[in-house]
Amino acid sequence: MQRMRPERASITGVILAGGQARRMGGRDKGLLPFVGRPLVEWVIESLRSQVGDLLISANRHPDIYAAYGVPVVPDLATGFQGPLAGVLSAMNSVRTDWILTLPCDGPRPPSDLCERLADALVKADAELAVATDGNRTQPLYALLPVALIDSLRGFLAGGERRVESWQARHRVALADFSGRPDCFVNINTLADLRELERVGMDRMTQGQSVTIKFGQD
């Protein structure tokens, strides 16, 4: 029997904002101002119409994030153990059967991210779906069944942290966004933030393509 397509009401969008942001000098990425608004606001705005519910995975400033009217869940494990720790806490907290994850530092995710991940999932009869920009997969942009919580818990308990390694243990469908790679531009440093503000956002918000070369410092 082919897998049923997840409906919007059965999906909680999970914004991953729980990292240490070492390359940002320890600043809370989701709250950094970008074109006059915190990064997390851009993600909330894009995601709200795609899913039935929202949740923010954050280990700092829960009161600020909660002011957006979205539940805020910290990692169950201490010590900033990576995005999968946030995914596990989210799975443990939501009431829906599915979660759609994406990072807080990508201000322009695809407006049809959830729809196309769900389509790919059904077409491939897979267990989970991940976006690809045509050059590489984007493992944090993923549609995941909460039923995999025990698999994820065991993976983390074994000391593993790499997102792709856990996903590879399951049948993965790829949703092709090769025509819109700019949707997965993410911000790792303050220089990245300023560069995207300078040359990218005006064109991106108008639906135009823009290529931005970010530094690695």
N, C-alpha and C. Protein backbone atom coordinates (compact mmCIF):
# COMPACT_ATOMS: atom_id res chain seq x y z
N MET A 1 0.84 -1.20 0.00
CA MET A 1 0.00 0.00 0.00
C MET A 1 0.88 1.25 0.00
N GLN A 2 0.55 2.19 -0.88
CA GLN A 2 1.34 3.42 -0.96
C GLN A 2 1.07 4.30 0.25
N ARG A 3 2.11 4.98 0.70
CA ARG A 3 1.99 5.87 1.85
C ARG A 3 0.98 6.98 1.56
N MET A 4 0.17 7.31 2.57
CA MET A 4 -0.78 8.40 2.46
C MET A 4 -0.04 9.73 2.56
N ARG A 5 -0.51 10.71 1.81
CA ARG A 5 0.12 12.03 1.82
C ARG A 5 -0.21 12.74 3.12
N PRO A 6 0.78 13.24 3.84
CA PRO A 6 0.50 13.98 5.07
C PRO A 6 -0.30 15.24 4.77
N GLU A 7 -1.34 15.46 5.53
CA GLU A 7 -2.15 16.67 5.38
C GLU A 7 -1.57 17.80 6.22
N ARG A 8 -1.87 19.01 5.82
CA ARG A 8 -1.34 20.18 6.53
C ARG A 8 -1.62 20.12 8.03
N ALA A 9 -2.83 19.74 8.41
CA ALA A 9 -3.20 19.72 9.83
C ALA A 9 -2.40 18.72 10.64
N SER A 10 -1.78 17.76 9.95
CA SER A 10 -1.03 16.71 10.65
C SER A 10 0.45 17.03 10.76
N ILE A 11 0.83 18.27 10.39
CA ILE A 11 2.25 18.64 10.35
C ILE A 11 2.49 19.86 11.25
N THR A 12 3.51 19.76 12.10
CA THR A 12 3.97 20.90 12.89
C THR A 12 5.28 21.40 12.30
N GLY A 13 5.34 22.68 12.00
CA GLY A 13 6.59 23.28 11.54
C GLY A 13 7.50 23.54 12.72
N VAL A 14 8.74 23.08 12.62
CA VAL A 14 9.71 23.22 13.72
C VAL A 14 10.87 24.08 13.24
N ILE A 15 11.01 25.25 13.83
CA ILE A 15 12.10 26.17 13.49
C ILE A 15 13.25 25.91 14.44
N LEU A 16 14.38 25.49 13.89
CA LEU A 16 15.54 25.10 14.69
C LEU A 16 16.39 26.32 15.01
N ALA A 17 16.32 26.76 16.26
CA ALA A 17 17.04 27.97 16.70
C ALA A 17 17.83 27.70 17.98
N GLY A 18 18.27 26.46 18.14
CA GLY A 18 18.89 26.09 19.41
C GLY A 18 20.39 25.97 19.41
N GLY A 19 21.05 26.43 18.34
CA GLY A 19 22.50 26.27 18.25
C GLY A 19 23.27 27.32 19.03
N GLN A 20 24.59 27.09 19.14
CA GLN A 20 25.47 28.02 19.85
C GLN A 20 25.91 29.18 18.98
N ALA A 21 25.89 28.99 17.66
CA ALA A 21 26.31 30.05 16.71
C ALA A 21 27.72 30.54 17.04
N ARG A 22 28.66 29.62 17.09
CA ARG A 22 30.05 30.00 17.43
C ARG A 22 30.61 31.04 16.46
N ARG A 23 30.31 30.87 15.15
CA ARG A 23 30.85 31.80 14.16
C ARG A 23 30.15 33.15 14.19
N MET A 24 29.09 33.23 15.00
CA MET A 24 28.41 34.51 15.22
C MET A 24 28.84 35.13 16.55
N GLY A 25 29.89 34.58 17.15
CA GLY A 25 30.32 35.08 18.44
C GLY A 25 29.38 34.71 19.57
N GLY A 26 28.61 33.64 19.36
CA GLY A 26 27.68 33.18 20.39
C GLY A 26 26.35 33.90 20.41
N ARG A 27 26.12 34.79 19.45
CA ARG A 27 24.83 35.49 19.39
C ARG A 27 23.72 34.50 19.03
N ASP A 28 22.53 34.81 19.47
CA ASP A 28 21.37 33.98 19.14
C ASP A 28 20.94 34.31 17.72
N LYS A 29 21.21 33.41 16.78
CA LYS A 29 20.97 33.69 15.37
C LYS A 29 19.54 34.12 15.06
N GLY A 30 18.61 33.40 15.60
CA GLY A 30 17.22 33.68 15.25
C GLY A 30 16.76 35.07 15.58
N LEU A 31 17.45 35.72 16.52
CA LEU A 31 17.04 37.05 16.96
C LEU A 31 17.87 38.16 16.33
N LEU A 32 18.82 37.82 15.48
CA LEU A 32 19.62 38.84 14.82
C LEU A 32 18.76 39.63 13.83
N PRO A 33 18.90 40.96 13.82
CA PRO A 33 18.10 41.76 12.88
C PRO A 33 18.56 41.58 11.45
N PHE A 34 17.58 41.41 10.56
CA PHE A 34 17.86 41.24 9.14
C PHE A 34 16.81 42.02 8.37
N VAL A 35 17.23 43.04 7.65
CA VAL A 35 16.31 43.93 6.93
C VAL A 35 15.21 44.40 7.88
N GLY A 36 15.61 44.78 9.08
CA GLY A 36 14.68 45.40 10.02
C GLY A 36 13.87 44.46 10.87
N ARG A 37 14.04 43.15 10.69
CA ARG A 37 13.26 42.18 11.48
C ARG A 37 14.17 41.04 11.90
N PRO A 38 13.92 40.43 13.06
CA PRO A 38 14.71 39.26 13.45
C PRO A 38 14.58 38.14 12.41
N LEU A 39 15.66 37.40 12.23
CA LEU A 39 15.64 36.32 11.25
C LEU A 39 14.46 35.37 11.46
N VAL A 40 14.16 35.05 12.71
CA VAL A 40 13.10 34.08 12.97
C VAL A 40 11.75 34.55 12.43
N GLU A 41 11.53 35.87 12.37
CA GLU A 41 10.26 36.37 11.87
C GLU A 41 10.07 36.03 10.39
N TRP A 42 11.15 36.12 9.62
CA TRP A 42 11.06 35.77 8.21
C TRP A 42 10.64 34.31 8.03
N VAL A 43 11.20 33.44 8.87
CA VAL A 43 10.89 32.01 8.77
C VAL A 43 9.46 31.73 9.21
N ILE A 44 9.05 32.34 10.31
CA ILE A 44 7.67 32.15 10.79
C ILE A 44 6.68 32.58 9.71
N GLU A 45 6.93 33.72 9.10
CA GLU A 45 6.02 34.25 8.08
C GLU A 45 5.89 33.28 6.91
N SER A 46 6.99 32.71 6.48
CA SER A 46 6.96 31.79 5.34
C SER A 46 6.29 30.47 5.70
N LEU A 47 6.50 30.03 6.92
CA LEU A 47 6.08 28.68 7.31
C LEU A 47 4.64 28.61 7.77
N ARG A 48 4.12 29.69 8.34
CA ARG A 48 2.83 29.64 9.01
C ARG A 48 1.70 29.11 8.12
N SER A 49 1.70 29.49 6.85
CA SER A 49 0.62 29.08 5.96
C SER A 49 0.80 27.67 5.41
N GLN A 50 1.93 27.04 5.71
CA GLN A 50 2.22 25.73 5.13
C GLN A 50 1.87 24.57 6.04
N VAL A 51 1.74 24.82 7.33
CA VAL A 51 1.59 23.74 8.31
C VAL A 51 0.41 24.01 9.24
N GLY A 52 0.05 22.98 10.00
CA GLY A 52 -1.07 23.12 10.91
C GLY A 52 -0.71 23.80 12.22
N ASP A 53 0.54 23.69 12.62
CA ASP A 53 0.99 24.25 13.90
C ASP A 53 2.45 24.61 13.78
N LEU A 54 2.94 25.40 14.73
CA LEU A 54 4.33 25.83 14.74
C LEU A 54 4.96 25.59 16.11
N LEU A 55 6.28 25.41 16.10
CA LEU A 55 7.05 25.24 17.33
C LEU A 55 8.46 25.78 17.06
N ILE A 56 9.05 26.40 18.07
CA ILE A 56 10.42 26.87 17.96
C ILE A 56 11.30 26.06 18.90
N SER A 57 12.35 25.48 18.36
CA SER A 57 13.35 24.77 19.16
C SER A 57 14.44 25.77 19.52
N ALA A 58 14.52 26.14 20.81
CA ALA A 58 15.48 27.16 21.23
C ALA A 58 15.98 26.85 22.64
N ASN A 59 17.26 27.11 22.86
CA ASN A 59 17.86 26.88 24.17
C ASN A 59 18.16 28.17 24.93
N ARG A 60 17.91 29.30 24.27
CA ARG A 60 18.13 30.60 24.90
C ARG A 60 16.96 31.53 24.58
N HIS A 61 16.77 32.53 25.42
CA HIS A 61 15.76 33.57 25.22
C HIS A 61 14.36 33.01 24.94
N PRO A 62 13.90 32.04 25.72
CA PRO A 62 12.57 31.47 25.46
C PRO A 62 11.45 32.49 25.57
N ASP A 63 11.62 33.50 26.43
CA ASP A 63 10.57 34.51 26.58
C ASP A 63 10.42 35.35 25.32
N ILE A 64 11.53 35.67 24.67
CA ILE A 64 11.48 36.47 23.45
C ILE A 64 10.82 35.67 22.33
N TYR A 65 11.23 34.42 22.17
CA TYR A 65 10.63 33.58 21.13
C TYR A 65 9.14 33.34 21.41
N ALA A 66 8.79 33.14 22.69
CA ALA A 66 7.39 32.86 23.04
C ALA A 66 6.48 34.05 22.72
N ALA A 67 7.06 35.24 22.64
CA ALA A 67 6.26 36.44 22.33
C ALA A 67 5.66 36.38 20.93
N TYR A 68 6.16 35.46 20.09
CA TYR A 68 5.58 35.29 18.75
C TYR A 68 4.33 34.41 18.78
N GLY A 69 3.93 33.98 19.96
CA GLY A 69 2.75 33.16 20.08
C GLY A 69 2.95 31.73 19.65
N VAL A 70 4.20 31.28 19.69
CA VAL A 70 4.57 29.93 19.26
C VAL A 70 5.21 29.19 20.44
N PRO A 71 4.84 27.93 20.69
CA PRO A 71 5.49 27.18 21.77
C PRO A 71 7.00 27.10 21.55
N VAL A 72 7.75 27.21 22.63
CA VAL A 72 9.20 27.14 22.58
C VAL A 72 9.66 25.93 23.40
N VAL A 73 10.46 25.08 22.76
CA VAL A 73 10.90 23.84 23.40
C VAL A 73 12.43 23.78 23.40
N PRO A 74 13.06 23.63 24.58
CA PRO A 74 14.52 23.48 24.63
C PRO A 74 14.92 22.03 24.37
N ASP A 75 16.19 21.81 24.10
CA ASP A 75 16.69 20.45 23.95
C ASP A 75 16.50 19.69 25.26
N LEU A 76 16.18 18.42 25.15
CA LEU A 76 16.11 17.57 26.34
C LEU A 76 17.50 17.36 26.92
N ALA A 77 18.49 17.26 26.04
CA ALA A 77 19.88 17.08 26.47
C ALA A 77 20.54 18.43 26.62
N THR A 78 21.47 18.53 27.56
CA THR A 78 22.20 19.78 27.76
C THR A 78 23.46 19.81 26.90
N GLY A 79 24.02 21.01 26.76
CA GLY A 79 25.32 21.10 26.09
C GLY A 79 25.29 21.36 24.61
N PHE A 80 24.18 21.85 24.06
CA PHE A 80 24.12 22.19 22.63
C PHE A 80 24.66 21.04 21.77
N GLN A 81 23.90 19.97 21.67
CA GLN A 81 24.36 18.76 21.01
C GLN A 81 23.95 18.67 19.54
N GLY A 82 23.59 19.79 18.94
CA GLY A 82 23.33 19.78 17.52
C GLY A 82 21.85 19.79 17.18
N PRO A 83 21.53 20.00 15.90
CA PRO A 83 20.13 20.14 15.50
C PRO A 83 19.27 18.91 15.75
N LEU A 84 19.85 17.72 15.71
CA LEU A 84 19.04 16.53 15.96
C LEU A 84 18.52 16.49 17.38
N ALA A 85 19.25 17.10 18.31
CA ALA A 85 18.74 17.17 19.69
C ALA A 85 17.47 18.02 19.72
N GLY A 86 17.45 19.09 18.93
CA GLY A 86 16.25 19.90 18.84
C GLY A 86 15.11 19.15 18.16
N VAL A 87 15.44 18.37 17.14
CA VAL A 87 14.43 17.57 16.45
C VAL A 87 13.80 16.56 17.42
N LEU A 88 14.63 15.92 18.22
CA LEU A 88 14.12 14.93 19.18
C LEU A 88 13.18 15.59 20.19
N SER A 89 13.58 16.74 20.73
CA SER A 89 12.71 17.43 21.68
C SER A 89 11.40 17.84 21.04
N ALA A 90 11.48 18.27 19.79
CA ALA A 90 10.26 18.65 19.08
C ALA A 90 9.34 17.44 18.90
N MET A 91 9.91 16.32 18.45
CA MET A 91 9.10 15.12 18.29
C MET A 91 8.44 14.71 19.60
N ASN A 92 9.14 14.93 20.70
CA ASN A 92 8.62 14.57 22.02
C ASN A 92 7.51 15.50 22.48
N SER A 93 7.40 16.67 21.83
CA SER A 93 6.47 17.69 22.31
C SER A 93 5.23 17.87 21.45
N VAL A 94 5.34 17.59 20.15
CA VAL A 94 4.22 17.90 19.25
C VAL A 94 3.08 16.90 19.40
N ARG A 95 1.92 17.31 18.93
CA ARG A 95 0.72 16.45 18.95
C ARG A 95 0.38 15.94 17.56
N THR A 96 1.14 16.36 16.56
CA THR A 96 0.89 15.93 15.20
C THR A 96 1.74 14.70 14.86
N ASP A 97 1.42 14.06 13.75
CA ASP A 97 2.15 12.86 13.32
C ASP A 97 3.42 13.18 12.55
N TRP A 98 3.54 14.43 12.10
CA TRP A 98 4.67 14.82 11.27
C TRP A 98 5.25 16.14 11.77
N ILE A 99 6.54 16.35 11.50
CA ILE A 99 7.14 17.66 11.69
C ILE A 99 7.87 18.06 10.41
N LEU A 100 7.85 19.35 10.14
CA LEU A 100 8.61 19.93 9.04
C LEU A 100 9.69 20.80 9.67
N THR A 101 10.95 20.42 9.51
CA THR A 101 12.03 21.17 10.14
C THR A 101 12.70 22.11 9.15
N LEU A 102 13.19 23.23 9.67
CA LEU A 102 14.00 24.13 8.89
C LEU A 102 14.75 25.05 9.86
N PRO A 103 15.92 25.56 9.44
CA PRO A 103 16.74 26.36 10.34
C PRO A 103 16.25 27.80 10.43
N CYS A 104 16.64 28.46 11.52
CA CYS A 104 16.21 29.84 11.74
C CYS A 104 17.04 30.83 10.93
N ASP A 105 18.15 30.38 10.34
CA ASP A 105 19.06 31.32 9.68
C ASP A 105 18.92 31.33 8.16
N GLY A 106 17.84 30.78 7.65
CA GLY A 106 17.54 30.86 6.22
C GLY A 106 16.31 31.71 6.03
N PRO A 107 16.45 33.00 5.71
CA PRO A 107 15.31 33.93 5.75
C PRO A 107 14.28 33.79 4.63
N ARG A 108 14.59 32.98 3.63
CA ARG A 108 13.63 32.87 2.52
C ARG A 108 13.42 31.41 2.11
N PRO A 109 12.84 30.59 2.97
CA PRO A 109 12.57 29.20 2.58
C PRO A 109 11.47 29.16 1.51
N PRO A 110 11.42 28.08 0.74
CA PRO A 110 10.40 27.99 -0.31
C PRO A 110 9.00 28.07 0.26
N SER A 111 8.13 28.80 -0.41
CA SER A 111 6.75 28.94 0.05
C SER A 111 5.95 27.65 -0.14
N ASP A 112 6.47 26.74 -0.96
CA ASP A 112 5.81 25.45 -1.18
C ASP A 112 6.68 24.30 -0.66
N LEU A 113 7.52 24.59 0.34
CA LEU A 113 8.42 23.57 0.87
C LEU A 113 7.67 22.35 1.36
N CYS A 114 6.67 22.55 2.18
CA CYS A 114 5.93 21.43 2.76
C CYS A 114 5.22 20.61 1.68
N GLU A 115 4.57 21.31 0.77
CA GLU A 115 3.83 20.64 -0.30
C GLU A 115 4.73 19.75 -1.14
N ARG A 116 5.89 20.26 -1.52
CA ARG A 116 6.76 19.50 -2.41
C ARG A 116 7.48 18.38 -1.67
N LEU A 117 7.78 18.57 -0.41
CA LEU A 117 8.33 17.47 0.38
C LEU A 117 7.31 16.35 0.51
N ALA A 118 6.07 16.70 0.78
CA ALA A 118 5.02 15.69 0.90
C ALA A 118 4.80 14.95 -0.42
N ASP A 119 4.83 15.68 -1.53
CA ASP A 119 4.68 15.04 -2.84
C ASP A 119 5.81 14.04 -3.09
N ALA A 120 7.04 14.46 -2.78
CA ALA A 120 8.19 13.58 -2.98
C ALA A 120 8.10 12.34 -2.12
N LEU A 121 7.64 12.52 -0.90
CA LEU A 121 7.50 11.41 0.04
C LEU A 121 6.57 10.33 -0.52
N VAL A 122 5.41 10.78 -0.99
CA VAL A 122 4.43 9.84 -1.51
C VAL A 122 4.93 9.18 -2.80
N LYS A 123 5.49 9.97 -3.69
CA LYS A 123 5.95 9.45 -4.98
C LYS A 123 7.00 8.37 -4.80
N ALA A 124 7.91 8.54 -3.84
CA ALA A 124 8.99 7.58 -3.61
C ALA A 124 8.62 6.51 -2.59
N ASP A 125 7.41 6.62 -2.00
CA ASP A 125 7.00 5.71 -0.93
C ASP A 125 8.11 5.62 0.13
N ALA A 126 8.56 6.79 0.56
CA ALA A 126 9.68 6.87 1.49
C ALA A 126 9.20 7.08 2.92
N GLU A 127 10.16 7.05 3.85
CA GLU A 127 9.83 7.29 5.26
C GLU A 127 9.94 8.77 5.62
N LEU A 128 10.83 9.48 4.95
CA LEU A 128 11.02 10.90 5.21
C LEU A 128 11.45 11.57 3.92
N ALA A 129 11.33 12.89 3.89
CA ALA A 129 11.68 13.64 2.67
C ALA A 129 12.59 14.80 3.04
N VAL A 130 13.55 15.08 2.13
CA VAL A 130 14.55 16.11 2.33
C VAL A 130 14.65 16.93 1.05
N ALA A 131 14.90 18.22 1.20
CA ALA A 131 15.07 19.09 0.03
C ALA A 131 16.47 18.98 -0.52
N THR A 132 16.60 19.19 -1.83
CA THR A 132 17.90 19.31 -2.48
C THR A 132 17.89 20.56 -3.35
N ASP A 133 19.01 21.29 -3.37
CA ASP A 133 19.08 22.51 -4.18
C ASP A 133 19.67 22.24 -5.56
N GLY A 134 19.85 20.97 -5.88
CA GLY A 134 20.40 20.60 -7.18
C GLY A 134 21.87 20.26 -7.12
N ASN A 135 22.58 20.80 -6.13
CA ASN A 135 23.99 20.50 -5.93
C ASN A 135 24.22 19.62 -4.71
N ARG A 136 23.42 19.81 -3.70
CA ARG A 136 23.55 19.01 -2.49
C ARG A 136 22.23 18.98 -1.75
N THR A 137 22.09 18.03 -0.87
CA THR A 137 20.89 17.96 -0.06
C THR A 137 20.94 19.04 1.02
N GLN A 138 19.77 19.39 1.49
CA GLN A 138 19.61 20.35 2.57
C GLN A 138 18.92 19.62 3.72
N PRO A 139 19.67 18.88 4.54
CA PRO A 139 19.08 17.94 5.48
C PRO A 139 18.21 18.56 6.57
N LEU A 140 18.39 19.84 6.86
CA LEU A 140 17.57 20.46 7.89
C LEU A 140 16.21 20.90 7.36
N TYR A 141 16.06 20.89 6.03
CA TYR A 141 14.75 21.17 5.41
C TYR A 141 14.11 19.81 5.13
N ALA A 142 13.41 19.30 6.11
CA ALA A 142 12.97 17.90 6.04
C ALA A 142 11.56 17.71 6.60
N LEU A 143 10.86 16.77 6.01
CA LEU A 143 9.55 16.33 6.50
C LEU A 143 9.75 14.96 7.16
N LEU A 144 9.49 14.90 8.46
CA LEU A 144 9.84 13.71 9.25
C LEU A 144 8.63 13.19 10.02
N PRO A 145 8.43 11.86 10.03
CA PRO A 145 7.35 11.30 10.84
C PRO A 145 7.78 11.19 12.31
N VAL A 146 6.90 11.59 13.19
CA VAL A 146 7.19 11.49 14.62
C VAL A 146 7.38 10.02 15.03
N ALA A 147 6.87 9.11 14.23
CA ALA A 147 7.03 7.67 14.52
C ALA A 147 8.50 7.25 14.54
N LEU A 148 9.39 8.06 14.00
CA LEU A 148 10.82 7.72 14.01
C LEU A 148 11.52 8.21 15.29
N ILE A 149 10.78 8.61 16.29
CA ILE A 149 11.38 9.15 17.50
C ILE A 149 12.30 8.15 18.19
N ASP A 150 11.93 6.89 18.24
CA ASP A 150 12.78 5.90 18.90
C ASP A 150 14.07 5.68 18.11
N SER A 151 13.98 5.71 16.80
CA SER A 151 15.18 5.60 15.97
C SER A 151 16.12 6.76 16.26
N LEU A 152 15.59 7.97 16.33
CA LEU A 152 16.42 9.14 16.58
C LEU A 152 16.99 9.12 17.99
N ARG A 153 16.18 8.73 18.95
CA ARG A 153 16.66 8.67 20.33
C ARG A 153 17.84 7.69 20.45
N GLY A 154 17.72 6.55 19.81
CA GLY A 154 18.80 5.56 19.86
C GLY A 154 20.05 6.05 19.16
N PHE A 155 19.88 6.75 18.05
CA PHE A 155 21.00 7.31 17.30
C PHE A 155 21.78 8.28 18.17
N LEU A 156 21.09 9.18 18.83
CA LEU A 156 21.76 10.17 19.67
C LEU A 156 22.36 9.53 20.92
N ALA A 157 21.70 8.54 21.46
CA ALA A 157 22.23 7.85 22.64
C ALA A 157 23.54 7.15 22.33
N GLY A 158 23.74 6.80 21.07
CA GLY A 158 24.98 6.16 20.65
C GLY A 158 26.11 7.14 20.38
N GLY A 159 25.87 8.40 20.66
CA GLY A 159 26.90 9.42 20.48
C GLY A 159 26.97 10.02 19.09
N GLU A 160 26.05 9.63 18.22
CA GLU A 160 26.03 10.17 16.86
C GLU A 160 25.33 11.53 16.84
N ARG A 161 25.73 12.39 15.88
CA ARG A 161 25.15 13.73 15.80
C ARG A 161 24.82 14.15 14.37
N ARG A 162 25.43 13.52 13.38
CA ARG A 162 25.32 14.02 12.00
C ARG A 162 23.92 13.75 11.43
N VAL A 163 23.27 14.82 10.98
CA VAL A 163 21.90 14.72 10.51
C VAL A 163 21.78 13.75 9.34
N GLU A 164 22.66 13.90 8.35
CA GLU A 164 22.59 13.03 7.16
C GLU A 164 22.76 11.57 7.51
N SER A 165 23.58 11.27 8.50
CA SER A 165 23.82 9.88 8.87
C SER A 165 22.57 9.24 9.45
N TRP A 166 21.84 9.99 10.25
CA TRP A 166 20.59 9.43 10.78
C TRP A 166 19.56 9.27 9.68
N GLN A 167 19.41 10.28 8.85
CA GLN A 167 18.42 10.20 7.78
C GLN A 167 18.71 9.03 6.84
N ALA A 168 19.99 8.74 6.61
CA ALA A 168 20.38 7.66 5.69
C ALA A 168 19.99 6.28 6.22
N ARG A 169 19.64 6.17 7.48
CA ARG A 169 19.17 4.90 8.03
C ARG A 169 17.75 4.56 7.59
N HIS A 170 17.11 5.51 6.93
CA HIS A 170 15.72 5.35 6.53
C HIS A 170 15.56 5.62 5.03
N ARG A 171 14.41 5.29 4.50
CA ARG A 171 14.13 5.54 3.08
C ARG A 171 13.87 7.04 2.91
N VAL A 172 14.74 7.68 2.14
CA VAL A 172 14.69 9.14 1.99
C VAL A 172 14.22 9.50 0.58
N ALA A 173 13.25 10.38 0.51
CA ALA A 173 12.83 10.97 -0.76
C ALA A 173 13.45 12.36 -0.88
N LEU A 174 13.82 12.75 -2.10
CA LEU A 174 14.41 14.05 -2.33
C LEU A 174 13.43 14.93 -3.10
N ALA A 175 13.18 16.12 -2.58
CA ALA A 175 12.35 17.11 -3.28
C ALA A 175 13.30 18.07 -3.99
N ASP A 176 13.17 18.16 -5.29
CA ASP A 176 14.11 18.90 -6.12
C ASP A 176 13.74 20.39 -6.21
N PHE A 177 14.61 21.23 -5.65
CA PHE A 177 14.45 22.68 -5.74
C PHE A 177 15.62 23.28 -6.51
N SER A 178 16.13 22.55 -7.48
CA SER A 178 17.31 23.01 -8.22
C SER A 178 17.05 24.32 -8.96
N GLY A 179 15.81 24.63 -9.25
CA GLY A 179 15.49 25.89 -9.91
C GLY A 179 15.48 27.07 -8.97
N ARG A 180 15.55 26.80 -7.65
CA ARG A 180 15.48 27.89 -6.66
C ARG A 180 16.50 27.67 -5.54
N PRO A 181 17.77 27.53 -5.87
CA PRO A 181 18.76 27.28 -4.81
C PRO A 181 18.89 28.43 -3.82
N ASP A 182 18.52 29.65 -4.23
CA ASP A 182 18.63 30.80 -3.33
C ASP A 182 17.75 30.65 -2.09
N CYS A 183 16.72 29.83 -2.19
CA CYS A 183 15.84 29.64 -1.04
C CYS A 183 16.55 29.00 0.15
N PHE A 184 17.72 28.42 -0.11
CA PHE A 184 18.43 27.72 0.96
C PHE A 184 19.69 28.46 1.41
N VAL A 185 19.81 29.72 0.98
CA VAL A 185 20.90 30.55 1.49
C VAL A 185 20.75 30.67 2.99
N ASN A 186 21.82 30.37 3.72
CA ASN A 186 21.76 30.51 5.17
C ASN A 186 22.89 31.41 5.66
N ILE A 187 22.75 31.88 6.87
CA ILE A 187 23.63 32.90 7.42
C ILE A 187 24.42 32.32 8.57
N ASN A 188 25.74 32.25 8.40
CA ASN A 188 26.59 31.66 9.42
C ASN A 188 27.44 32.67 10.17
N THR A 189 27.71 33.83 9.55
CA THR A 189 28.55 34.85 10.17
C THR A 189 27.88 36.21 10.01
N LEU A 190 28.37 37.19 10.77
CA LEU A 190 27.84 38.54 10.62
C LEU A 190 28.15 39.10 9.24
N ALA A 191 29.29 38.69 8.66
CA ALA A 191 29.61 39.11 7.30
C ALA A 191 28.58 38.56 6.31
N ASP A 192 28.16 37.30 6.50
CA ASP A 192 27.11 36.73 5.66
C ASP A 192 25.84 37.57 5.75
N LEU A 193 25.48 37.93 6.97
CA LEU A 193 24.25 38.69 7.21
C LEU A 193 24.28 40.02 6.46
N ARG A 194 25.37 40.74 6.59
CA ARG A 194 25.46 42.04 5.94
C ARG A 194 25.52 41.92 4.42
N GLU A 195 26.20 40.88 3.93
CA GLU A 195 26.30 40.69 2.48
C GLU A 195 24.94 40.38 1.88
N LEU A 196 24.17 39.55 2.54
CA LEU A 196 22.84 39.23 2.03
C LEU A 196 21.94 40.45 2.07
N GLU A 197 22.05 41.23 3.12
CA GLU A 197 21.28 42.47 3.17
C GLU A 197 21.67 43.42 2.04
N ARG A 198 22.96 43.46 1.75
CA ARG A 198 23.47 44.43 0.77
C ARG A 198 23.07 44.10 -0.65
N VAL A 199 23.21 42.84 -1.05
CA VAL A 199 23.03 42.52 -2.48
C VAL A 199 21.86 41.59 -2.78
N GLY A 200 21.32 40.96 -1.75
CA GLY A 200 20.41 39.89 -2.06
C GLY A 200 18.94 40.06 -1.80
N MET A 201 18.57 40.65 -0.68
CA MET A 201 17.20 40.50 -0.25
C MET A 201 16.19 41.20 -1.14
N ASP A 202 16.53 42.38 -1.67
CA ASP A 202 15.59 43.08 -2.55
C ASP A 202 15.23 42.21 -3.76
N ARG A 203 16.26 41.63 -4.37
CA ARG A 203 16.01 40.78 -5.54
C ARG A 203 15.31 39.49 -5.16
N MET A 204 15.67 38.93 -4.00
CA MET A 204 15.07 37.68 -3.58
C MET A 204 13.59 37.84 -3.29
N THR A 205 13.21 38.94 -2.64
CA THR A 205 11.81 39.15 -2.31
C THR A 205 10.97 39.43 -3.55
N GLN A 206 11.62 39.79 -4.66
CA GLN A 206 10.93 39.98 -5.92
C GLN A 206 10.93 38.71 -6.77
N GLY A 207 11.45 37.62 -6.20
CA GLY A 207 11.45 36.35 -6.91
C GLY A 207 12.57 36.20 -7.91
N GLN A 208 13.55 37.10 -7.87
CA GLN A 208 14.66 37.03 -8.80
C GLN A 208 15.78 36.18 -8.21
N SER A 209 16.57 35.59 -9.10
CA SER A 209 17.70 34.77 -8.67
C SER A 209 18.86 35.66 -8.28
N VAL A 210 19.59 35.23 -7.26
CA VAL A 210 20.77 35.97 -6.84
C VAL A 210 21.80 34.98 -6.34
N THR A 211 23.04 35.17 -6.75
CA THR A 211 24.14 34.32 -6.30
C THR A 211 24.99 35.09 -5.31
N ILE A 212 25.17 34.53 -4.12
CA ILE A 212 25.91 35.20 -3.08
C ILE A 212 27.00 34.27 -2.58
N LYS A 213 28.22 34.72 -2.62
CA LYS A 213 29.34 33.92 -2.13
C LYS A 213 29.68 34.35 -0.71
N PHE A 214 29.41 33.46 0.21
CA PHE A 214 29.64 33.77 1.60
C PHE A 214 31.02 33.32 2.03
N GLY A 215 31.57 34.03 2.99
CA GLY A 215 32.85 33.64 3.56
C GLY A 215 32.69 32.50 4.55
N GLN A 216 33.81 31.97 4.97
CA GLN A 216 33.78 30.82 5.88
C GLN A 216 34.40 31.16 7.24
N ASP A 217 34.63 32.47 7.51
CA ASP A 217 35.25 32.83 8.78
C ASP A 217 34.23 32.77 9.90
